[in-house]
């Protein structure tokens, strides 16, 4: 059965067991879900590489490759710059996050898998920081295309916190998941030389790596 840790739910009296066994594939999402989202996980070169290459290898045909671009997105209603440059975002004061804008071919099948994968290749416990990269532009952020995506993202993040609490995820620096989740906003595409940067520069800078090789299983007892 593997190691488990139980905790009681104050609202329902149910107990959740966290198992070291691998979770089942993510369940199908609701029909009609948006196929668009954006992910911030630190330097967008690494986010692009891990989603475009590694996630796509794991789930062939899951992303619309030509529509997937790196760029900038702000959660603010009126950010300081409407269409910021890379240099403006690098100051950390533009209110924008470096993101990968993604379109999924079959969001019902792959959105939740993508969110699990997102949490697997970066550290969501270091607020506005990934490795030596510091500033709001490097925030861990999920920009959702609709409420259905947001509900799934909230649930997966809560599951991840349980895994951290149970010490089944040990490659993070902190003990509290600080990822922000909010609605999709206006996207500003980055310059051409930043698109697929690590594919074109294999020895380029990247501080991402796989921290969760398999998503552990949560079991809730009635």
C-alpha atoms as a PDB file:
ATOM      1  CA  UNK A   1       0.000   0.000   0.000  1.00  0.00           C
ATOM      2  CA  UNK A   2       2.909   2.407   0.569  1.00  0.00           C
ATOM      3  CA  UNK A   3       3.224   4.980   3.308  1.00  0.00           C
ATOM      4  CA  UNK A   4       0.103   6.943   4.160  1.00  0.00           C
ATOM      5  CA  UNK A   5      -0.771   9.888   6.347  1.00  0.00           C
ATOM      6  CA  UNK A   6      -4.322  10.607   7.454  1.00  0.00           C
ATOM      7  CA  UNK A   7      -5.993  13.883   8.347  1.00  0.00           C
ATOM      8  CA  UNK A   8      -9.592  14.604   9.326  1.00  0.00           C
ATOM      9  CA  UNK A   9     -11.833  17.093   7.559  1.00  0.00           C
ATOM     10  CA  UNK A  10     -13.532  19.434  10.021  1.00  0.00           C
ATOM     11  CA  UNK A  11     -16.423  20.132   7.660  1.00  0.00           C
ATOM     12  CA  UNK A  12     -17.348  16.573   6.674  1.00  0.00           C
ATOM     13  CA  UNK A  13     -15.607  14.282   9.131  1.00  0.00           C
ATOM     14  CA  UNK A  14     -13.912  12.523   6.208  1.00  0.00           C
ATOM     15  CA  UNK A  15     -10.290  11.463   6.391  1.00  0.00           C
ATOM     16  CA  UNK A  16      -7.836  11.980   3.560  1.00  0.00           C
ATOM     17  CA  UNK A  17      -5.049   9.472   3.166  1.00  0.00           C
ATOM     18  CA  UNK A  18      -1.993  10.537   1.195  1.00  0.00           C
ATOM     19  CA  UNK A  19      -0.317   7.550  -0.412  1.00  0.00           C
ATOM     20  CA  UNK A  20       3.173   7.238  -1.811  1.00  0.00           C
ATOM     21  CA  UNK A  21       1.683   5.296  -4.726  1.00  0.00           C
ATOM     22  CA  UNK A  22       1.247   7.108  -8.023  1.00  0.00           C
ATOM     23  CA  UNK A  23      -2.088   8.784  -8.626  1.00  0.00           C
ATOM     24  CA  UNK A  24      -4.432   7.663 -11.342  1.00  0.00           C
ATOM     25  CA  UNK A  25      -4.464   9.690 -14.566  1.00  0.00           C
ATOM     26  CA  UNK A  26      -6.241  13.000 -14.086  1.00  0.00           C
ATOM     27  CA  UNK A  27     -10.014  12.737 -14.520  1.00  0.00           C
ATOM     28  CA  UNK A  28     -11.756  14.193 -17.530  1.00  0.00           C
ATOM     29  CA  UNK A  29     -12.629  17.831 -17.105  1.00  0.00           C
ATOM     30  CA  UNK A  30     -16.070  19.331 -17.740  1.00  0.00           C
ATOM     31  CA  UNK A  31     -17.183  19.799 -21.321  1.00  0.00           C
ATOM     32  CA  UNK A  32     -17.004  23.271 -22.761  1.00  0.00           C
ATOM     33  CA  UNK A  33     -13.882  24.204 -20.819  1.00  0.00           C
ATOM     34  CA  UNK A  34     -11.723  26.963 -22.293  1.00  0.00           C
ATOM     35  CA  UNK A  35      -8.673  25.746 -24.198  1.00  0.00           C
ATOM     36  CA  UNK A  36      -6.607  28.833 -23.339  1.00  0.00           C
ATOM     37  CA  UNK A  37      -4.468  29.560 -20.291  1.00  0.00           C
ATOM     38  CA  UNK A  38      -1.129  31.075 -19.299  1.00  0.00           C
ATOM     39  CA  UNK A  39       1.428  29.763 -16.833  1.00  0.00           C
ATOM     40  CA  UNK A  40       4.063  31.684 -14.907  1.00  0.00           C
ATOM     41  CA  UNK A  41       6.808  29.545 -13.374  1.00  0.00           C
ATOM     42  CA  UNK A  42       9.859  31.774 -13.274  1.00  0.00           C
ATOM     43  CA  UNK A  43      11.968  32.470 -16.356  1.00  0.00           C
ATOM     44  CA  UNK A  44       9.726  31.730 -19.309  1.00  0.00           C
ATOM     45  CA  UNK A  45      12.499  30.038 -21.268  1.00  0.00           C
ATOM     46  CA  UNK A  46      12.304  27.048 -18.944  1.00  0.00           C
ATOM     47  CA  UNK A  47       8.505  27.075 -18.790  1.00  0.00           C
ATOM     48  CA  UNK A  48       8.396  26.974 -22.583  1.00  0.00           C
ATOM     49  CA  UNK A  49      10.895  24.121 -22.777  1.00  0.00           C
ATOM     50  CA  UNK A  50       9.205  21.937 -20.189  1.00  0.00           C
ATOM     51  CA  UNK A  51       5.702  22.401 -21.608  1.00  0.00           C
ATOM     52  CA  UNK A  52       6.533  22.443 -25.302  1.00  0.00           C
ATOM     53  CA  UNK A  53       8.995  19.535 -25.159  1.00  0.00           C
ATOM     54  CA  UNK A  54       8.457  17.453 -22.015  1.00  0.00           C
ATOM     55  CA  UNK A  55       4.698  17.770 -21.537  1.00  0.00           C
ATOM     56  CA  UNK A  56       4.061  17.379 -25.253  1.00  0.00           C
ATOM     57  CA  UNK A  57       6.257  14.252 -25.258  1.00  0.00           C
ATOM     58  CA  UNK A  58       4.214  12.834 -22.379  1.00  0.00           C
ATOM     59  CA  UNK A  59       0.902  13.773 -24.010  1.00  0.00           C
ATOM     60  CA  UNK A  60       1.477  13.946 -27.796  1.00  0.00           C
ATOM     61  CA  UNK A  61      -0.757  16.416 -29.591  1.00  0.00           C
ATOM     62  CA  UNK A  62      -1.961  17.993 -26.348  1.00  0.00           C
ATOM     63  CA  UNK A  63      -0.921  21.568 -27.128  1.00  0.00           C
ATOM     64  CA  UNK A  64      -1.446  23.769 -30.188  1.00  0.00           C
ATOM     65  CA  UNK A  65       2.266  24.247 -30.830  1.00  0.00           C
ATOM     66  CA  UNK A  66       2.022  27.223 -33.192  1.00  0.00           C
ATOM     67  CA  UNK A  67      -0.239  29.121 -30.792  1.00  0.00           C
ATOM     68  CA  UNK A  68       1.969  28.558 -27.733  1.00  0.00           C
ATOM     69  CA  UNK A  69       4.149  31.624 -27.072  1.00  0.00           C
ATOM     70  CA  UNK A  70       6.161  33.219 -24.279  1.00  0.00           C
ATOM     71  CA  UNK A  71       5.352  36.729 -23.180  1.00  0.00           C
ATOM     72  CA  UNK A  72       3.928  38.835 -20.376  1.00  0.00           C
ATOM     73  CA  UNK A  73       0.641  39.019 -18.473  1.00  0.00           C
ATOM     74  CA  UNK A  74      -0.492  41.193 -15.581  1.00  0.00           C
ATOM     75  CA  UNK A  75      -3.247  40.348 -13.101  1.00  0.00           C
ATOM     76  CA  UNK A  76      -3.860  44.069 -12.597  1.00  0.00           C
ATOM     77  CA  UNK A  77      -6.849  45.762 -14.214  1.00  0.00           C
ATOM     78  CA  UNK A  78      -4.692  48.712 -15.251  1.00  0.00           C
ATOM     79  CA  UNK A  79      -1.012  47.732 -15.249  1.00  0.00           C
ATOM     80  CA  UNK A  80       1.678  50.388 -15.393  1.00  0.00           C
ATOM     81  CA  UNK A  81       2.441  49.472 -19.004  1.00  0.00           C
ATOM     82  CA  UNK A  82      -0.266  48.221 -21.378  1.00  0.00           C
ATOM     83  CA  UNK A  83       2.179  46.419 -23.672  1.00  0.00           C
ATOM     84  CA  UNK A  84       5.471  46.172 -21.814  1.00  0.00           C
ATOM     85  CA  UNK A  85       8.870  45.428 -23.252  1.00  0.00           C
ATOM     86  CA  UNK A  86      11.115  42.720 -21.834  1.00  0.00           C
ATOM     87  CA  UNK A  87      13.310  45.414 -20.290  1.00  0.00           C
ATOM     88  CA  UNK A  88      10.333  46.999 -18.522  1.00  0.00           C
ATOM     89  CA  UNK A  89       9.174  43.639 -17.144  1.00  0.00           C
ATOM     90  CA  UNK A  90      12.713  42.859 -15.937  1.00  0.00           C
ATOM     91  CA  UNK A  91      12.546  45.796 -13.516  1.00  0.00           C
ATOM     92  CA  UNK A  92       9.913  43.889 -11.533  1.00  0.00           C
ATOM     93  CA  UNK A  93       7.806  47.046 -11.372  1.00  0.00           C
ATOM     94  CA  UNK A  94       5.618  46.705 -14.463  1.00  0.00           C
ATOM     95  CA  UNK A  95       3.131  44.411 -12.697  1.00  0.00           C
ATOM     96  CA  UNK A  96       3.644  41.660 -15.266  1.00  0.00           C
ATOM     97  CA  UNK A  97       4.606  38.013 -14.973  1.00  0.00           C
ATOM     98  CA  UNK A  98       6.728  36.114 -17.484  1.00  0.00           C
ATOM     99  CA  UNK A  99       4.323  33.506 -18.828  1.00  0.00           C
ATOM    100  CA  UNK A 100       3.805  30.853 -21.443  1.00  0.00           C
ATOM    101  CA  UNK A 101       0.502  31.396 -23.244  1.00  0.00           C
ATOM    102  CA  UNK A 102      -0.913  27.978 -24.141  1.00  0.00           C
ATOM    103  CA  UNK A 103      -3.731  26.573 -26.233  1.00  0.00           C
ATOM    104  CA  UNK A 104      -4.803  22.989 -25.663  1.00  0.00           C
ATOM    105  CA  UNK A 105      -6.296  20.772 -28.352  1.00  0.00           C
ATOM    106  CA  UNK A 106      -8.431  18.810 -25.873  1.00  0.00           C
ATOM    107  CA  UNK A 107      -8.635  20.780 -22.609  1.00  0.00           C
ATOM    108  CA  UNK A 108     -11.046  18.290 -21.012  1.00  0.00           C
ATOM    109  CA  UNK A 109      -8.358  15.604 -21.319  1.00  0.00           C
ATOM    110  CA  UNK A 110      -5.203  17.566 -20.666  1.00  0.00           C
ATOM    111  CA  UNK A 111      -5.841  20.661 -18.545  1.00  0.00           C
ATOM    112  CA  UNK A 112      -5.580  18.949 -15.162  1.00  0.00           C
ATOM    113  CA  UNK A 113      -2.584  16.910 -16.326  1.00  0.00           C
ATOM    114  CA  UNK A 114      -0.914  20.160 -17.369  1.00  0.00           C
ATOM    115  CA  UNK A 115      -1.536  21.760 -13.973  1.00  0.00           C
ATOM    116  CA  UNK A 116      -0.034  18.736 -12.217  1.00  0.00           C
ATOM    117  CA  UNK A 117       2.954  18.959 -14.553  1.00  0.00           C
ATOM    118  CA  UNK A 118       3.277  22.713 -13.954  1.00  0.00           C
ATOM    119  CA  UNK A 119       3.660  22.089 -10.236  1.00  0.00           C
ATOM    120  CA  UNK A 120       6.180  19.328 -10.948  1.00  0.00           C
ATOM    121  CA  UNK A 121       8.903  21.303 -12.753  1.00  0.00           C
ATOM    122  CA  UNK A 122       9.180  24.479 -10.657  1.00  0.00           C
ATOM    123  CA  UNK A 123       9.105  25.493  -6.989  1.00  0.00           C
ATOM    124  CA  UNK A 124       5.706  26.979  -6.092  1.00  0.00           C
ATOM    125  CA  UNK A 125       6.739  27.655  -2.474  1.00  0.00           C
ATOM    126  CA  UNK A 126       9.174  30.512  -3.174  1.00  0.00           C
ATOM    127  CA  UNK A 127       7.078  33.656  -3.495  1.00  0.00           C
ATOM    128  CA  UNK A 128       8.088  35.737  -6.530  1.00  0.00           C
ATOM    129  CA  UNK A 129      11.281  33.736  -6.921  1.00  0.00           C
ATOM    130  CA  UNK A 130      12.718  30.768  -8.807  1.00  0.00           C
ATOM    131  CA  UNK A 131      16.272  29.960  -7.821  1.00  0.00           C
ATOM    132  CA  UNK A 132      18.364  33.107  -8.149  1.00  0.00           C
ATOM    133  CA  UNK A 133      15.645  34.870 -10.155  1.00  0.00           C
ATOM    134  CA  UNK A 134      13.756  37.256  -7.870  1.00  0.00           C
ATOM    135  CA  UNK A 135      10.916  39.663  -8.536  1.00  0.00           C
ATOM    136  CA  UNK A 136       7.190  39.641  -9.298  1.00  0.00           C
ATOM    137  CA  UNK A 137       7.955  38.826 -12.931  1.00  0.00           C
ATOM    138  CA  UNK A 138       9.066  35.361 -11.752  1.00  0.00           C
ATOM    139  CA  UNK A 139       5.883  34.626  -9.775  1.00  0.00           C
ATOM    140  CA  UNK A 140       4.251  31.210  -9.819  1.00  0.00           C
ATOM    141  CA  UNK A 141       0.919  32.016 -11.465  1.00  0.00           C
ATOM    142  CA  UNK A 142      -1.924  30.215 -13.226  1.00  0.00           C
ATOM    143  CA  UNK A 143      -4.026  32.486 -15.451  1.00  0.00           C
ATOM    144  CA  UNK A 144      -7.239  30.574 -16.173  1.00  0.00           C
ATOM    145  CA  UNK A 145      -9.445  30.833 -19.242  1.00  0.00           C
ATOM    146  CA  UNK A 146     -12.682  30.263 -17.323  1.00  0.00           C
ATOM    147  CA  UNK A 147     -14.200  29.279 -13.978  1.00  0.00           C
ATOM    148  CA  UNK A 148     -13.937  25.575 -14.817  1.00  0.00           C
ATOM    149  CA  UNK A 149     -10.176  25.867 -15.157  1.00  0.00           C
ATOM    150  CA  UNK A 150     -10.014  27.876 -11.928  1.00  0.00           C
ATOM    151  CA  UNK A 151     -11.914  25.216  -9.965  1.00  0.00           C
ATOM    152  CA  UNK A 152      -9.548  22.495 -11.181  1.00  0.00           C
ATOM    153  CA  UNK A 153      -6.475  24.627 -10.470  1.00  0.00           C
ATOM    154  CA  UNK A 154      -7.698  25.385  -6.937  1.00  0.00           C
ATOM    155  CA  UNK A 155      -8.282  21.692  -6.268  1.00  0.00           C
ATOM    156  CA  UNK A 156      -4.915  20.544  -7.631  1.00  0.00           C
ATOM    157  CA  UNK A 157      -3.118  23.244  -5.635  1.00  0.00           C
ATOM    158  CA  UNK A 158      -4.922  22.095  -2.473  1.00  0.00           C
ATOM    159  CA  UNK A 159      -3.876  18.506  -3.232  1.00  0.00           C
ATOM    160  CA  UNK A 160      -0.285  19.654  -3.648  1.00  0.00           C
ATOM    161  CA  UNK A 161      -0.364  21.370  -0.262  1.00  0.00           C
ATOM    162  CA  UNK A 162      -1.506  18.085   1.297  1.00  0.00           C
ATOM    163  CA  UNK A 163       1.379  16.295  -0.397  1.00  0.00           C
ATOM    164  CA  UNK A 164       3.822  18.875   0.964  1.00  0.00           C
ATOM    165  CA  UNK A 165       2.314  18.594   4.449  1.00  0.00           C
ATOM    166  CA  UNK A 166       2.655  14.799   4.287  1.00  0.00           C
ATOM    167  CA  UNK A 167       6.312  15.176   3.237  1.00  0.00           C
ATOM    168  CA  UNK A 168       5.705  13.216   0.045  1.00  0.00           C
ATOM    169  CA  UNK A 169       7.014  16.156  -1.973  1.00  0.00           C
ATOM    170  CA  UNK A 170      10.477  17.073  -0.718  1.00  0.00           C
ATOM    171  CA  UNK A 171      12.150  19.017  -3.521  1.00  0.00           C
ATOM    172  CA  UNK A 172      10.557  22.376  -2.685  1.00  0.00           C
ATOM    173  CA  UNK A 173      12.329  25.044  -0.621  1.00  0.00           C
ATOM    174  CA  UNK A 174       9.330  25.985   1.525  1.00  0.00           C
ATOM    175  CA  UNK A 175       6.328  24.370   3.167  1.00  0.00           C
ATOM    176  CA  UNK A 176       3.514  26.564   1.825  1.00  0.00           C
ATOM    177  CA  UNK A 177       2.406  26.650  -1.803  1.00  0.00           C
ATOM    178  CA  UNK A 178       2.212  30.326  -2.784  1.00  0.00           C
ATOM    179  CA  UNK A 179       1.052  30.020  -6.390  1.00  0.00           C
ATOM    180  CA  UNK A 180      -1.541  32.607  -7.380  1.00  0.00           C
ATOM    181  CA  UNK A 181      -4.552  31.641  -9.483  1.00  0.00           C
ATOM    182  CA  UNK A 182      -6.659  34.148 -11.396  1.00  0.00           C
ATOM    183  CA  UNK A 183      -8.411  34.928 -14.672  1.00  0.00           C
ATOM    184  CA  UNK A 184      -6.658  35.158 -18.013  1.00  0.00           C
ATOM    185  CA  UNK A 185      -5.689  38.720 -18.923  1.00  0.00           C
ATOM    186  CA  UNK A 186      -4.250  40.548 -21.922  1.00  0.00           C
ATOM    187  CA  UNK A 187      -1.172  38.794 -23.267  1.00  0.00           C
ATOM    188  CA  UNK A 188       1.828  40.625 -24.715  1.00  0.00           C
ATOM    189  CA  UNK A 189       3.985  38.344 -26.828  1.00  0.00           C
ATOM    190  CA  UNK A 190       7.757  38.534 -26.243  1.00  0.00           C
ATOM    191  CA  UNK A 191      10.289  39.217 -28.961  1.00  0.00           C
ATOM    192  CA  UNK A 192      10.993  36.567 -31.578  1.00  0.00           C
ATOM    193  CA  UNK A 193      14.429  35.591 -30.233  1.00  0.00           C
ATOM    194  CA  UNK A 194      12.842  34.565 -26.912  1.00  0.00           C
ATOM    195  CA  UNK A 195      10.425  32.132 -28.553  1.00  0.00           C
ATOM    196  CA  UNK A 196      11.597  28.489 -28.179  1.00  0.00           C
ATOM    197  CA  UNK A 197      14.802  29.934 -26.756  1.00  0.00           C
ATOM    198  CA  UNK A 198      16.175  26.739 -25.219  1.00  0.00           C
ATOM    199  CA  UNK A 199      15.342  24.714 -28.309  1.00  0.00           C
ATOM    200  CA  UNK A 200      17.501  27.125 -30.290  1.00  0.00           C
ATOM    201  CA  UNK A 201      20.091  27.557 -27.506  1.00  0.00           C
ATOM    202  CA  UNK A 202      20.335  24.158 -25.747  1.00  0.00           C
ATOM    203  CA  UNK A 203      23.017  25.402 -23.331  1.00  0.00           C
ATOM    204  CA  UNK A 204      21.016  28.494 -22.401  1.00  0.00           C
ATOM    205  CA  UNK A 205      19.997  29.470 -18.876  1.00  0.00           C
ATOM    206  CA  UNK A 206      17.383  27.308 -17.151  1.00  0.00           C
ATOM    207  CA  UNK A 207      16.846  26.616 -13.450  1.00  0.00           C
ATOM    208  CA  UNK A 208      13.856  24.297 -13.861  1.00  0.00           C
ATOM    209  CA  UNK A 209      13.977  20.554 -13.267  1.00  0.00           C
ATOM    210  CA  UNK A 210      11.539  17.763 -12.487  1.00  0.00           C
ATOM    211  CA  UNK A 211      10.783  17.821  -8.750  1.00  0.00           C
ATOM    212  CA  UNK A 212       7.823  15.413  -8.732  1.00  0.00           C
ATOM    213  CA  UNK A 213       8.388  12.382 -10.960  1.00  0.00           C
ATOM    214  CA  UNK A 214       4.963  10.921 -10.278  1.00  0.00           C
ATOM    215  CA  UNK A 215       1.951  12.618  -8.716  1.00  0.00           C
ATOM    216  CA  UNK A 216       1.194  10.804  -5.412  1.00  0.00           C
ATOM    217  CA  UNK A 217      -2.281   9.538  -4.718  1.00  0.00           C
ATOM    218  CA  UNK A 218      -4.852  11.092  -2.392  1.00  0.00           C
ATOM    219  CA  UNK A 219      -7.651   8.896  -1.060  1.00  0.00           C
ATOM    220  CA  UNK A 220     -10.607  10.404   0.792  1.00  0.00           C
ATOM    221  CA  UNK A 221     -12.577   8.039   3.034  1.00  0.00           C
ATOM    222  CA  UNK A 222     -16.301   8.607   3.426  1.00  0.00           C
END
